[in-house]
Amino acid sequence: AAQQFYPDPQTQQITFIGTMREFDHLVLMAMRLKVHDRHISEVETLFYRKGAGPEWSDAGVDASNARGAADSAWLTPLPVALRATREQLSGVALGWMNALAHYDVKASVPVSDDCVRFENGARVSGNPRVLIGDNHFNLAALGCRQQLRSGYFSSITRIHHERIVAVDPEYGTVVVWANLDQAGTRALHLADGHTLSLRALAQPASTEAVLVFRIEGGSIHRIQMLTRAVPYHMNPGWQEPTAP
């Protein structure tokens, strides 16, 4: 029922994110196609199946399917004055990715005050009804900029096979596929002095992810992610770029 397309005629690639039925089960799916000489030359898929993550991810799949129509915020062309070049858009998106992999509370990433972040269909910013943390710290209750500065993402020790596959200056969208490694830590020390000791953080783990950014006037306004846990440091099968 829910479907959104992010095309890039220049690279001849398109990414789809939406819900589909796998027999009687509802799943969230991302698919990337690359075209060469009017034929499909590459196909890449990523699925989130309910039960593979926290309860809020499962609820997000249902919420995405119930909404049906794509979020109109992604479908509105940007005024010409707020548009940026492909290089500028890519730089902003990679700035967010770099901040995830190299935690620095002083790092400046252009994020708007009204930025909203979704993961597996669930809103995970400015939403205290979702719990990511413990009784003293909830990542999902924070805004996008505050999340970056909280220190929570310092659990990510490496990002690899990072690929920008679609950029659309008219809509300000950038699609990134990447794998995120978490080597594991006994305790995560946050910027506010609180320490998280979650079991999930103590185990080596990796996440394969698709991230879509909506960038307006040089600032990130929306982030959509589809994520799936994979074996630690698993590669996606595509050649890793020589340079980010």
Protein backbone atom coordinates (compact mmCIF):
# COMPACT_ATOMS: atom_id res chain seq x y z
CA ALA A 1 0.00 0.00 0.00
CA ALA A 2 2.83 2.43 0.84
CA GLN A 3 5.31 3.20 -1.89
CA GLN A 4 7.81 5.94 -2.62
CA PHE A 5 10.28 6.25 -5.51
CA TYR A 6 13.57 8.16 -5.53
CA PRO A 7 14.92 8.37 -9.10
CA ASP A 8 18.14 9.75 -10.52
CA PRO A 9 18.15 9.97 -14.33
CA GLN A 10 21.80 11.04 -14.36
CA THR A 11 23.07 7.83 -12.72
CA GLN A 12 20.22 5.77 -14.23
CA GLN A 13 19.25 4.45 -10.80
CA ILE A 14 16.04 4.42 -8.80
CA THR A 15 15.27 3.35 -5.22
CA PHE A 16 11.85 2.16 -4.08
CA ILE A 17 10.76 2.01 -0.43
CA GLY A 18 7.38 0.61 0.57
CA THR A 19 5.37 -2.22 2.06
CA MET A 20 4.56 -5.54 0.44
CA ARG A 21 3.01 -8.88 1.31
CA GLU A 22 5.18 -11.96 1.73
CA PHE A 23 2.49 -14.64 1.86
CA ASP A 24 0.44 -13.51 4.89
CA HIS A 25 3.16 -11.33 6.39
CA LEU A 26 3.56 -7.58 5.93
CA VAL A 27 7.18 -6.51 5.29
CA LEU A 28 8.98 -3.25 4.58
CA MET A 29 11.08 -3.34 1.43
CA ALA A 30 13.72 -1.21 -0.28
CA MET A 31 14.86 -1.97 -3.82
CA ARG A 32 17.50 -0.33 -6.00
CA LEU A 33 17.60 -0.73 -9.77
CA LYS A 34 20.33 0.42 -12.13
CA VAL A 35 19.72 0.65 -15.87
CA HIS A 36 22.27 0.35 -18.66
CA ASP A 37 21.33 0.56 -22.34
CA ARG A 38 17.63 0.47 -21.36
CA HIS A 39 18.06 -2.85 -19.55
CA ILE A 40 18.18 -3.52 -15.81
CA SER A 41 21.84 -4.16 -14.98
CA GLU A 42 21.75 -4.21 -11.16
CA VAL A 43 19.12 -5.16 -8.58
CA GLU A 44 19.57 -4.73 -4.82
CA THR A 45 16.93 -5.40 -2.16
CA LEU A 46 16.67 -4.92 1.59
CA PHE A 47 13.80 -6.15 3.77
CA TYR A 48 12.69 -5.50 7.32
CA ARG A 49 10.53 -8.36 8.56
CA LYS A 50 8.54 -8.00 11.75
CA GLY A 51 10.18 -9.76 14.68
CA ALA A 52 13.68 -8.91 13.46
CA GLY A 53 13.93 -5.78 15.61
CA PRO A 54 12.29 -3.88 18.45
CA GLU A 55 8.53 -3.58 18.83
CA TRP A 56 8.55 0.00 17.59
CA SER A 57 10.02 -1.13 14.25
CA ASP A 58 7.24 -3.70 13.88
CA ALA A 59 4.67 -1.00 14.65
CA GLY A 60 6.32 1.25 12.09
CA VAL A 61 5.73 -1.29 9.32
CA ASP A 62 2.02 -1.38 10.18
CA ALA A 63 1.88 2.42 10.41
CA SER A 64 3.53 2.81 6.99
CA ASN A 65 1.08 0.40 5.42
CA ALA A 66 -1.90 2.09 7.10
CA ARG A 67 -0.84 5.53 5.83
CA GLY A 68 -0.82 4.14 2.31
CA ALA A 69 0.00 7.29 0.37
CA ALA A 70 3.57 8.52 0.48
CA ASP A 71 4.41 11.38 2.82
CA SER A 72 3.61 14.56 0.89
CA ALA A 73 6.68 16.29 2.37
CA TRP A 74 8.83 14.20 0.03
CA LEU A 75 6.70 14.92 -3.03
CA THR A 76 6.77 18.72 -3.11
CA PRO A 77 9.33 20.25 -5.47
CA LEU A 78 11.62 22.75 -3.79
CA PRO A 79 11.42 26.44 -4.66
CA VAL A 80 14.32 27.30 -6.94
CA ALA A 81 15.88 29.50 -4.24
CA LEU A 82 16.15 26.51 -1.88
CA ARG A 83 17.68 24.08 -4.38
CA ALA A 84 21.29 22.98 -4.33
CA THR A 85 23.66 21.26 -6.74
CA ARG A 86 24.20 17.51 -6.73
CA GLU A 87 27.59 18.03 -5.13
CA GLN A 88 26.18 20.24 -2.38
CA LEU A 89 23.37 17.81 -1.60
CA SER A 90 25.77 14.87 -1.50
CA GLY A 91 28.07 16.80 0.82
CA VAL A 92 25.29 17.48 3.33
CA ALA A 93 24.18 13.83 3.33
CA LEU A 94 27.76 12.60 3.77
CA GLY A 95 28.18 15.12 6.59
CA TRP A 96 25.45 13.33 8.53
CA MET A 97 26.99 9.93 7.78
CA ASN A 98 30.44 11.15 8.84
CA ALA A 99 29.01 12.48 12.11
CA LEU A 100 27.57 9.03 12.86
CA ALA A 101 30.94 7.36 12.35
CA HIS A 102 33.09 10.02 14.07
CA TYR A 103 31.33 11.35 17.13
CA ASP A 104 32.26 14.96 17.92
CA VAL A 105 29.92 17.03 20.05
CA LYS A 106 31.30 20.17 18.36
CA ALA A 107 30.76 18.90 14.83
CA SER A 108 28.45 21.11 12.82
CA VAL A 109 25.99 19.31 10.55
CA PRO A 110 23.33 21.49 8.86
CA VAL A 111 20.13 20.13 10.43
CA SER A 112 16.92 22.17 10.59
CA ASP A 113 15.07 22.76 13.86
CA ASP A 114 12.03 20.94 12.48
CA CYS A 115 13.96 17.90 11.17
CA VAL A 116 12.05 14.62 11.53
CA ARG A 117 13.66 11.17 11.40
CA PHE A 118 11.87 7.90 10.61
CA GLU A 119 13.29 4.39 10.90
CA ASN A 120 11.46 1.32 9.58
CA GLY A 121 8.31 3.40 9.32
CA ALA A 122 8.35 4.67 12.93
CA ARG A 123 9.06 8.25 13.90
CA VAL A 124 12.21 8.13 16.04
CA SER A 125 12.81 11.83 16.69
CA GLY A 126 10.73 14.11 18.88
CA ASN A 127 8.62 11.08 19.79
CA PRO A 128 8.80 10.06 23.48
CA ARG A 129 6.27 7.28 22.86
CA VAL A 130 9.12 5.28 21.30
CA LEU A 131 11.87 4.23 23.73
CA ILE A 132 15.45 3.92 22.48
CA GLY A 133 17.59 3.88 25.60
CA ASP A 134 16.56 3.54 29.23
CA ASN A 135 14.50 5.33 31.90
CA HIS A 136 17.03 8.18 32.05
CA PHE A 137 17.79 8.68 28.36
CA ASN A 138 15.50 8.29 25.36
CA LEU A 139 17.06 8.96 21.96
CA ALA A 140 13.68 9.03 20.21
CA ALA A 141 12.47 11.94 22.36
CA LEU A 142 15.26 14.19 21.05
CA GLY A 143 15.36 16.21 17.86
CA CYS A 144 17.67 15.21 15.01
CA ARG A 145 20.42 17.67 15.93
CA GLN A 146 20.25 16.74 19.62
CA GLN A 147 20.51 13.06 18.70
CA LEU A 148 23.79 13.66 16.89
CA ARG A 149 25.18 15.61 19.85
CA SER A 150 23.97 13.14 22.50
CA GLY A 151 26.83 10.69 21.97
CA TYR A 152 24.49 7.75 21.37
CA PHE A 153 25.75 7.17 17.84
CA SER A 154 29.34 6.81 19.05
CA SER A 155 28.47 3.11 19.37
CA ILE A 156 28.91 3.03 15.57
CA THR A 157 32.57 2.20 15.04
CA ARG A 158 32.72 2.03 11.25
CA ILE A 159 30.59 2.77 8.18
CA HIS A 160 31.55 0.91 5.02
CA HIS A 161 30.23 0.30 1.50
CA GLU A 162 28.71 3.78 1.65
CA ARG A 163 27.17 4.53 -1.75
CA ILE A 164 25.20 7.55 -2.91
CA VAL A 165 22.87 6.05 -5.51
CA ALA A 166 20.33 8.79 -6.25
CA VAL A 167 20.36 12.58 -6.03
CA ASP A 168 17.43 14.74 -7.12
CA PRO A 169 18.04 18.52 -6.87
CA GLU A 170 14.42 19.31 -7.77
CA TYR A 171 13.16 17.54 -4.64
CA GLY A 172 16.30 17.86 -2.54
CA THR A 173 16.60 14.11 -1.98
CA VAL A 174 19.72 11.99 -1.55
CA VAL A 175 19.63 8.18 -1.21
CA VAL A 176 22.53 6.45 0.55
CA TRP A 177 23.04 2.68 0.98
CA ALA A 178 25.58 1.73 3.65
CA ASN A 179 26.61 -0.82 6.28
CA LEU A 180 27.12 0.32 9.87
CA ASP A 181 29.37 -1.64 12.26
CA GLN A 182 29.08 -1.63 16.04
CA ALA A 183 32.10 -3.34 17.61
CA GLY A 184 30.41 -3.49 21.01
CA THR A 185 30.94 -1.63 24.27
CA ARG A 186 30.33 -2.45 27.94
CA ALA A 187 29.05 1.06 28.58
CA LEU A 188 28.20 4.02 26.37
CA HIS A 189 29.10 7.38 27.91
CA LEU A 190 26.72 10.08 26.71
CA ALA A 191 27.38 13.80 26.40
CA ASP A 192 25.12 14.61 29.38
CA GLY A 193 27.17 12.37 31.68
CA HIS A 194 24.70 9.48 31.69
CA THR A 195 25.97 5.97 30.96
CA LEU A 196 23.98 3.43 28.95
CA SER A 197 24.58 -0.26 29.62
CA LEU A 198 22.18 -1.85 27.14
CA ARG A 199 22.76 -5.50 26.20
CA ALA A 200 22.34 -4.64 22.52
CA LEU A 201 25.31 -2.26 22.70
CA ALA A 202 27.62 -4.85 24.24
CA GLN A 203 27.49 -7.28 21.34
CA PRO A 204 29.32 -6.88 18.01
CA ALA A 205 26.64 -6.20 15.43
CA SER A 206 26.10 -4.57 12.07
CA THR A 207 23.21 -2.92 10.32
CA GLU A 208 22.56 -2.73 6.60
CA ALA A 209 20.71 0.48 5.90
CA VAL A 210 19.09 2.67 3.28
CA LEU A 211 18.93 6.35 4.22
CA VAL A 212 16.99 9.02 2.35
CA PHE A 213 17.57 12.71 3.12
CA ARG A 214 15.37 15.67 2.20
CA ILE A 215 17.58 18.77 2.10
CA GLU A 216 16.13 22.26 1.79
CA GLY A 217 18.21 25.42 1.67
CA GLY A 218 21.31 23.45 2.63
CA SER A 219 19.78 21.88 5.77
CA ILE A 220 18.43 18.39 6.45
CA HIS A 221 14.67 18.48 7.07
CA ARG A 222 13.71 14.83 6.88
CA ILE A 223 15.49 11.48 7.17
CA GLN A 224 13.97 8.13 6.29
CA MET A 225 15.78 4.87 7.08
CA LEU A 226 15.17 1.20 6.42
CA THR A 227 17.49 -0.96 8.53
CA ARG A 228 18.17 -4.64 9.04
CA ALA A 229 20.53 -6.39 11.44
CA VAL A 230 23.19 -8.49 9.68
CA PRO A 231 26.22 -10.49 10.90
CA TYR A 232 29.06 -8.33 12.18
CA HIS A 233 30.99 -6.56 9.40
CA MET A 234 29.04 -8.32 6.68
CA ASN A 235 29.59 -6.79 3.24
CA PRO A 236 26.59 -6.16 0.96
CA GLY A 237 28.20 -7.81 -2.08
CA TRP A 238 28.95 -4.61 -4.00
CA GLN A 239 32.47 -3.30 -4.46
CA GLU A 240 33.31 -0.73 -1.81
CA PRO A 241 34.07 2.70 -3.32
CA THR A 242 37.70 3.76 -3.21
CA ALA A 243 36.69 7.19 -1.90
CA PRO A 244 33.57 8.40 -0.04
